[in-house]
């Protein structure tokens, strides 16, 4: 349904015929970590996330999974075959 409380005119999963069903009946504004994300939008009451109603919880333990401005750090672990390594060492190539 279309939001009629905080993000007027925006599609919302929590909106029903009885009003907003989210905790407290409204969405919460973005936090400092959300600055630069393409999912934040300016509404009449302030800046809000279009993907999640309470952005503070998304940043509580780690970075938000909806954040478009944060790049995930990929760690590539090199796998060493023990048999091949021992053969190289014996041949004097290591």
C-alpha atoms as a PDB file:
ATOM      1  CA  UNK A   1       0.000   0.000   0.000  1.00  0.00           C
ATOM      2  CA  UNK A   2       0.950   3.626  -0.296  1.00  0.00           C
ATOM      3  CA  UNK A   3       2.337   5.277   2.843  1.00  0.00           C
ATOM      4  CA  UNK A   4       0.148   7.953   4.380  1.00  0.00           C
ATOM      5  CA  UNK A   5       2.262   8.830   7.439  1.00  0.00           C
ATOM      6  CA  UNK A   6       5.975   9.616   7.051  1.00  0.00           C
ATOM      7  CA  UNK A   7       6.855   8.815   3.431  1.00  0.00           C
ATOM      8  CA  UNK A   8       3.646  10.021   1.768  1.00  0.00           C
ATOM      9  CA  UNK A   9       3.177   8.569  -1.718  1.00  0.00           C
ATOM     10  CA  UNK A  10       5.871   5.863  -1.292  1.00  0.00           C
ATOM     11  CA  UNK A  11       5.045   2.147  -1.576  1.00  0.00           C
ATOM     12  CA  UNK A  12       5.258   0.544   1.903  1.00  0.00           C
ATOM     13  CA  UNK A  13       4.922  -3.019   3.215  1.00  0.00           C
ATOM     14  CA  UNK A  14       3.838  -1.868   6.671  1.00  0.00           C
ATOM     15  CA  UNK A  15       0.905   0.271   5.540  1.00  0.00           C
ATOM     16  CA  UNK A  16      -2.563  -1.208   5.916  1.00  0.00           C
ATOM     17  CA  UNK A  17      -6.109   0.067   6.004  1.00  0.00           C
ATOM     18  CA  UNK A  18      -5.668   0.659   9.743  1.00  0.00           C
ATOM     19  CA  UNK A  19      -2.531   2.763   9.293  1.00  0.00           C
ATOM     20  CA  UNK A  20       1.159   2.060   9.663  1.00  0.00           C
ATOM     21  CA  UNK A  21       1.854  -1.287  11.306  1.00  0.00           C
ATOM     22  CA  UNK A  22       5.546  -0.662  12.016  1.00  0.00           C
ATOM     23  CA  UNK A  23       6.892  -0.174  15.553  1.00  0.00           C
ATOM     24  CA  UNK A  24       5.540   3.181  16.725  1.00  0.00           C
ATOM     25  CA  UNK A  25       3.395   3.657  13.615  1.00  0.00           C
ATOM     26  CA  UNK A  26       6.067   5.514  11.642  1.00  0.00           C
ATOM     27  CA  UNK A  27       9.436   5.184   9.941  1.00  0.00           C
ATOM     28  CA  UNK A  28      12.589   6.542  11.543  1.00  0.00           C
ATOM     29  CA  UNK A  29      15.017   9.004   9.904  1.00  0.00           C
ATOM     30  CA  UNK A  30      18.354   7.885   8.465  1.00  0.00           C
ATOM     31  CA  UNK A  31      21.492   7.820  10.607  1.00  0.00           C
ATOM     32  CA  UNK A  32      24.914   9.313   9.853  1.00  0.00           C
ATOM     33  CA  UNK A  33      26.198   6.075   8.266  1.00  0.00           C
ATOM     34  CA  UNK A  34      23.444   6.294   5.613  1.00  0.00           C
ATOM     35  CA  UNK A  35      24.875   9.496   4.092  1.00  0.00           C
ATOM     36  CA  UNK A  36      25.758   8.843   0.460  1.00  0.00           C
ATOM     37  CA  UNK A  37      23.393   5.905  -0.027  1.00  0.00           C
ATOM     38  CA  UNK A  38      21.124   6.030  -3.078  1.00  0.00           C
ATOM     39  CA  UNK A  39      18.243   4.543  -1.067  1.00  0.00           C
ATOM     40  CA  UNK A  40      17.841   7.681   1.088  1.00  0.00           C
ATOM     41  CA  UNK A  41      15.260  10.239  -0.004  1.00  0.00           C
ATOM     42  CA  UNK A  42      14.288  13.646   1.252  1.00  0.00           C
ATOM     43  CA  UNK A  43      10.658  13.883   2.398  1.00  0.00           C
ATOM     44  CA  UNK A  44       8.797  16.760   4.015  1.00  0.00           C
ATOM     45  CA  UNK A  45       9.772  15.568   7.535  1.00  0.00           C
ATOM     46  CA  UNK A  46      13.434  14.826   6.732  1.00  0.00           C
ATOM     47  CA  UNK A  47      15.601  12.109   5.148  1.00  0.00           C
ATOM     48  CA  UNK A  48      14.321   8.536   5.224  1.00  0.00           C
ATOM     49  CA  UNK A  49      15.429   5.185   3.816  1.00  0.00           C
ATOM     50  CA  UNK A  50      13.203   3.816   1.069  1.00  0.00           C
ATOM     51  CA  UNK A  51      14.276   0.212   1.774  1.00  0.00           C
ATOM     52  CA  UNK A  52      14.019  -0.111   5.573  1.00  0.00           C
ATOM     53  CA  UNK A  53      11.873   1.696   8.187  1.00  0.00           C
ATOM     54  CA  UNK A  54      14.501   1.881  10.979  1.00  0.00           C
ATOM     55  CA  UNK A  55      18.010   2.294   9.500  1.00  0.00           C
ATOM     56  CA  UNK A  56      19.660   2.523  12.933  1.00  0.00           C
ATOM     57  CA  UNK A  57      19.059  -1.217  13.461  1.00  0.00           C
ATOM     58  CA  UNK A  58      20.679  -2.117  10.134  1.00  0.00           C
ATOM     59  CA  UNK A  59      23.929  -0.424  11.236  1.00  0.00           C
ATOM     60  CA  UNK A  60      23.910  -1.752  14.792  1.00  0.00           C
ATOM     61  CA  UNK A  61      26.163  -4.824  14.318  1.00  0.00           C
ATOM     62  CA  UNK A  62      27.763  -4.242  10.919  1.00  0.00           C
ATOM     63  CA  UNK A  63      27.162  -2.356   7.710  1.00  0.00           C
ATOM     64  CA  UNK A  64      23.673  -2.211   6.247  1.00  0.00           C
ATOM     65  CA  UNK A  65      23.017  -4.831   3.572  1.00  0.00           C
ATOM     66  CA  UNK A  66      20.963  -2.292   1.590  1.00  0.00           C
ATOM     67  CA  UNK A  67      23.741   0.338   1.541  1.00  0.00           C
ATOM     68  CA  UNK A  68      24.761   1.225  -1.997  1.00  0.00           C
ATOM     69  CA  UNK A  69      27.719   3.370  -0.934  1.00  0.00           C
ATOM     70  CA  UNK A  70      29.543   0.628   1.025  1.00  0.00           C
ATOM     71  CA  UNK A  71      31.638  -1.918  -0.801  1.00  0.00           C
ATOM     72  CA  UNK A  72      32.054  -5.326   0.834  1.00  0.00           C
ATOM     73  CA  UNK A  73      35.659  -6.261   1.500  1.00  0.00           C
ATOM     74  CA  UNK A  74      36.478  -9.570  -0.153  1.00  0.00           C
ATOM     75  CA  UNK A  75      39.269 -11.613   1.377  1.00  0.00           C
ATOM     76  CA  UNK A  76      40.846 -14.089  -0.984  1.00  0.00           C
ATOM     77  CA  UNK A  77      42.544 -16.899   0.819  1.00  0.00           C
ATOM     78  CA  UNK A  78      45.252 -18.744  -1.071  1.00  0.00           C
ATOM     79  CA  UNK A  79      44.920 -22.507  -0.852  1.00  0.00           C
ATOM     80  CA  UNK A  80      48.193 -24.452  -0.789  1.00  0.00           C
ATOM     81  CA  UNK A  81      48.294 -28.056  -1.828  1.00  0.00           C
ATOM     82  CA  UNK A  82      50.558 -29.695   0.783  1.00  0.00           C
ATOM     83  CA  UNK A  83      51.741 -32.462  -1.549  1.00  0.00           C
ATOM     84  CA  UNK A  84      52.766 -30.054  -4.310  1.00  0.00           C
ATOM     85  CA  UNK A  85      54.451 -27.735  -1.811  1.00  0.00           C
ATOM     86  CA  UNK A  86      56.544 -30.562  -0.374  1.00  0.00           C
ATOM     87  CA  UNK A  87      57.606 -31.644  -3.890  1.00  0.00           C
ATOM     88  CA  UNK A  88      58.646 -28.066  -4.753  1.00  0.00           C
ATOM     89  CA  UNK A  89      60.598 -27.812  -1.522  1.00  0.00           C
ATOM     90  CA  UNK A  90      62.379 -31.107  -2.228  1.00  0.00           C
ATOM     91  CA  UNK A  91      63.232 -29.927  -5.744  1.00  0.00           C
ATOM     92  CA  UNK A  92      64.614 -26.676  -4.332  1.00  0.00           C
ATOM     93  CA  UNK A  93      62.088 -24.439  -6.095  1.00  0.00           C
ATOM     94  CA  UNK A  94      60.614 -22.917  -2.958  1.00  0.00           C
END
